[in-house]
């Protein structure tokens, strides 16, 4: 079902997308600020998990994001907000990768690791929305955790 065109007028879809971005920022802001060395790995996983459809609320947010993003492909008036949402997520991921880099050597450069992590999050989100019976919350968390383990050189 196409939520954006069937159920939500443009203004509602746009407002919902903006509210989703604000909710993500509200949820991850305290996690970014509260980091100490011993909590870093868990905090990074928690921050990024907020972007994944791990429960009904986040699955609903991800579904709206996906529908809105798809609608923006063919509706120019929606493209600025879709780009803003995309850029916001990438900025958050880049900040997290840069934070990991501050505490040790990345296996690859910041840009490459940002691209890899964004691609993983996008893929897990799409699969979690389209195939929730196969891409379960536990599978998403495990894939994210394993990926995060590969970001930095061992022992960091």
Protein backbone atom coordinates (compact mmCIF):
# COMPACT_ATOMS: atom_id res chain seq x y z
CA UNK A 1 0.00 0.00 0.00
CA UNK A 2 1.32 3.43 -0.88
CA UNK A 3 0.85 5.38 2.35
CA UNK A 4 2.06 8.65 0.93
CA UNK A 5 -0.33 8.86 -1.99
CA UNK A 6 -3.22 6.73 -0.71
CA UNK A 7 -3.47 7.78 2.91
CA UNK A 8 -1.61 11.03 3.43
CA UNK A 9 -1.82 14.35 1.67
CA UNK A 10 1.54 15.94 0.89
CA UNK A 11 1.45 18.32 3.85
CA UNK A 12 0.78 15.49 6.30
CA UNK A 13 3.48 13.28 4.78
CA UNK A 14 5.96 16.16 4.89
CA UNK A 15 5.10 16.98 8.50
CA UNK A 16 5.42 13.33 9.45
CA UNK A 17 8.84 13.05 7.79
CA UNK A 18 10.04 16.18 9.61
CA UNK A 19 8.70 14.85 12.91
CA UNK A 20 10.52 11.54 12.35
CA UNK A 21 13.80 13.41 11.86
CA UNK A 22 13.17 15.38 15.05
CA UNK A 23 12.36 12.20 17.00
CA UNK A 24 15.57 10.55 15.79
CA UNK A 25 17.57 13.60 16.86
CA UNK A 26 15.85 13.68 20.26
CA UNK A 27 16.56 10.00 20.86
CA UNK A 28 20.19 9.96 19.76
CA UNK A 29 21.22 13.36 21.13
CA UNK A 30 21.53 12.19 24.74
CA UNK A 31 23.38 9.06 23.64
CA UNK A 32 25.95 11.15 21.76
CA UNK A 33 26.46 13.44 24.74
CA UNK A 34 26.71 10.68 27.36
CA UNK A 35 29.52 8.68 25.82
CA UNK A 36 32.49 7.56 27.86
CA UNK A 37 35.06 5.07 26.68
CA UNK A 38 33.55 1.99 28.34
CA UNK A 39 30.07 2.67 26.96
CA UNK A 40 31.12 3.66 23.44
CA UNK A 41 30.32 0.42 21.55
CA UNK A 42 26.98 -0.07 23.26
CA UNK A 43 26.07 3.60 22.80
CA UNK A 44 26.91 3.55 19.08
CA UNK A 45 24.79 0.44 18.62
CA UNK A 46 21.91 2.03 20.54
CA UNK A 47 22.14 5.24 18.50
CA UNK A 48 22.10 3.44 15.18
CA UNK A 49 19.38 1.04 16.33
CA UNK A 50 17.09 4.04 16.64
CA UNK A 51 17.18 4.27 12.84
CA UNK A 52 16.08 0.65 12.33
CA UNK A 53 12.51 -0.73 12.35
CA UNK A 54 13.01 -2.79 15.52
CA UNK A 55 9.55 -2.27 17.01
CA UNK A 56 6.12 -1.14 15.86
CA UNK A 57 6.80 2.59 16.36
CA UNK A 58 10.08 2.53 14.44
CA UNK A 59 8.62 0.22 11.77
CA UNK A 60 5.81 2.75 11.24
CA UNK A 61 8.37 5.57 11.00
CA UNK A 62 10.47 3.56 8.55
CA UNK A 63 7.41 2.74 6.45
CA UNK A 64 6.49 6.42 6.19
CA UNK A 65 10.12 7.29 5.37
CA UNK A 66 10.24 4.66 2.63
CA UNK A 67 6.90 5.67 1.11
CA UNK A 68 7.77 9.36 1.29
CA UNK A 69 11.19 8.77 -0.28
CA UNK A 70 9.64 6.74 -3.09
CA UNK A 71 7.01 9.43 -3.71
CA UNK A 72 9.74 12.09 -3.85
CA UNK A 73 11.37 10.29 -6.76
CA UNK A 74 8.52 11.35 -9.05
CA UNK A 75 7.16 14.40 -7.23
CA UNK A 76 9.61 17.33 -7.37
CA UNK A 77 7.81 19.27 -4.64
CA UNK A 78 8.72 16.51 -2.14
CA UNK A 79 12.37 16.23 -3.16
CA UNK A 80 13.82 18.99 -0.93
CA UNK A 81 12.44 17.40 2.24
CA UNK A 82 13.48 13.92 1.10
CA UNK A 83 17.03 15.22 0.49
CA UNK A 84 17.02 16.94 3.88
CA UNK A 85 16.00 13.70 5.59
CA UNK A 86 18.64 11.74 3.67
CA UNK A 87 21.34 14.30 4.47
CA UNK A 88 20.35 14.35 8.14
CA UNK A 89 20.73 10.59 8.47
CA UNK A 90 24.07 10.64 6.68
CA UNK A 91 25.30 13.49 8.88
CA UNK A 92 24.39 11.51 11.98
CA UNK A 93 26.15 8.40 10.67
CA UNK A 94 29.23 10.44 9.69
CA UNK A 95 29.37 11.95 13.20
CA UNK A 96 29.24 8.48 14.70
CA UNK A 97 31.98 7.19 12.38
CA UNK A 98 34.11 10.25 13.18
CA UNK A 99 33.57 9.52 16.88
CA UNK A 100 34.82 5.97 16.39
CA UNK A 101 37.82 7.36 14.47
CA UNK A 102 38.68 9.70 17.36
CA UNK A 103 39.14 6.66 19.59
CA UNK A 104 41.21 4.59 17.19
CA UNK A 105 42.11 3.77 13.64
CA UNK A 106 39.32 3.01 11.20
CA UNK A 107 39.92 0.08 8.87
CA UNK A 108 39.05 2.43 5.98
CA UNK A 109 38.59 6.19 5.72
CA UNK A 110 35.71 8.09 7.26
CA UNK A 111 33.90 8.58 3.94
CA UNK A 112 34.12 4.90 2.99
CA UNK A 113 32.94 3.77 6.42
CA UNK A 114 30.10 6.29 6.35
CA UNK A 115 28.99 4.94 2.95
CA UNK A 116 29.21 1.32 4.15
CA UNK A 117 27.25 2.01 7.31
CA UNK A 118 24.58 4.06 5.52
CA UNK A 119 24.16 1.30 2.94
CA UNK A 120 23.78 -1.28 5.70
CA UNK A 121 21.21 0.82 7.58
CA UNK A 122 19.25 1.51 4.38
CA UNK A 123 19.25 -2.16 3.43
CA UNK A 124 18.22 -3.36 6.88
CA UNK A 125 15.47 -0.75 7.00
CA UNK A 126 14.05 -1.65 3.59
CA UNK A 127 14.22 -5.38 4.34
CA UNK A 128 12.73 -4.84 7.80
CA UNK A 129 9.77 -2.96 6.32
CA UNK A 130 9.21 -5.18 3.29
CA UNK A 131 10.02 -8.56 4.86
CA UNK A 132 9.61 -8.27 8.64
CA UNK A 133 9.09 -12.02 8.98
CA UNK A 134 12.53 -12.66 7.47
CA UNK A 135 14.48 -9.57 8.53
CA UNK A 136 13.61 -9.71 12.20
CA UNK A 137 14.71 -7.19 14.83
CA UNK A 138 17.24 -9.68 16.22
CA UNK A 139 18.68 -10.26 12.73
CA UNK A 140 18.97 -6.50 12.17
CA UNK A 141 20.70 -5.95 15.52
CA UNK A 142 23.11 -8.83 14.88
CA UNK A 143 24.00 -7.51 11.40
CA UNK A 144 24.55 -4.02 12.80
CA UNK A 145 26.66 -5.30 15.70
CA UNK A 146 28.85 -7.39 13.40
CA UNK A 147 29.33 -4.47 11.06
CA UNK A 148 30.29 -2.15 13.92
CA UNK A 149 32.88 -4.71 15.03
CA UNK A 150 34.57 -4.30 11.64
CA UNK A 151 34.79 -0.49 11.71
CA UNK A 152 37.94 -0.08 13.78
CA UNK A 153 41.15 -2.02 14.09
CA UNK A 154 40.93 -4.79 16.71
CA UNK A 155 41.42 -3.75 20.30
CA UNK A 156 40.12 -0.19 19.93
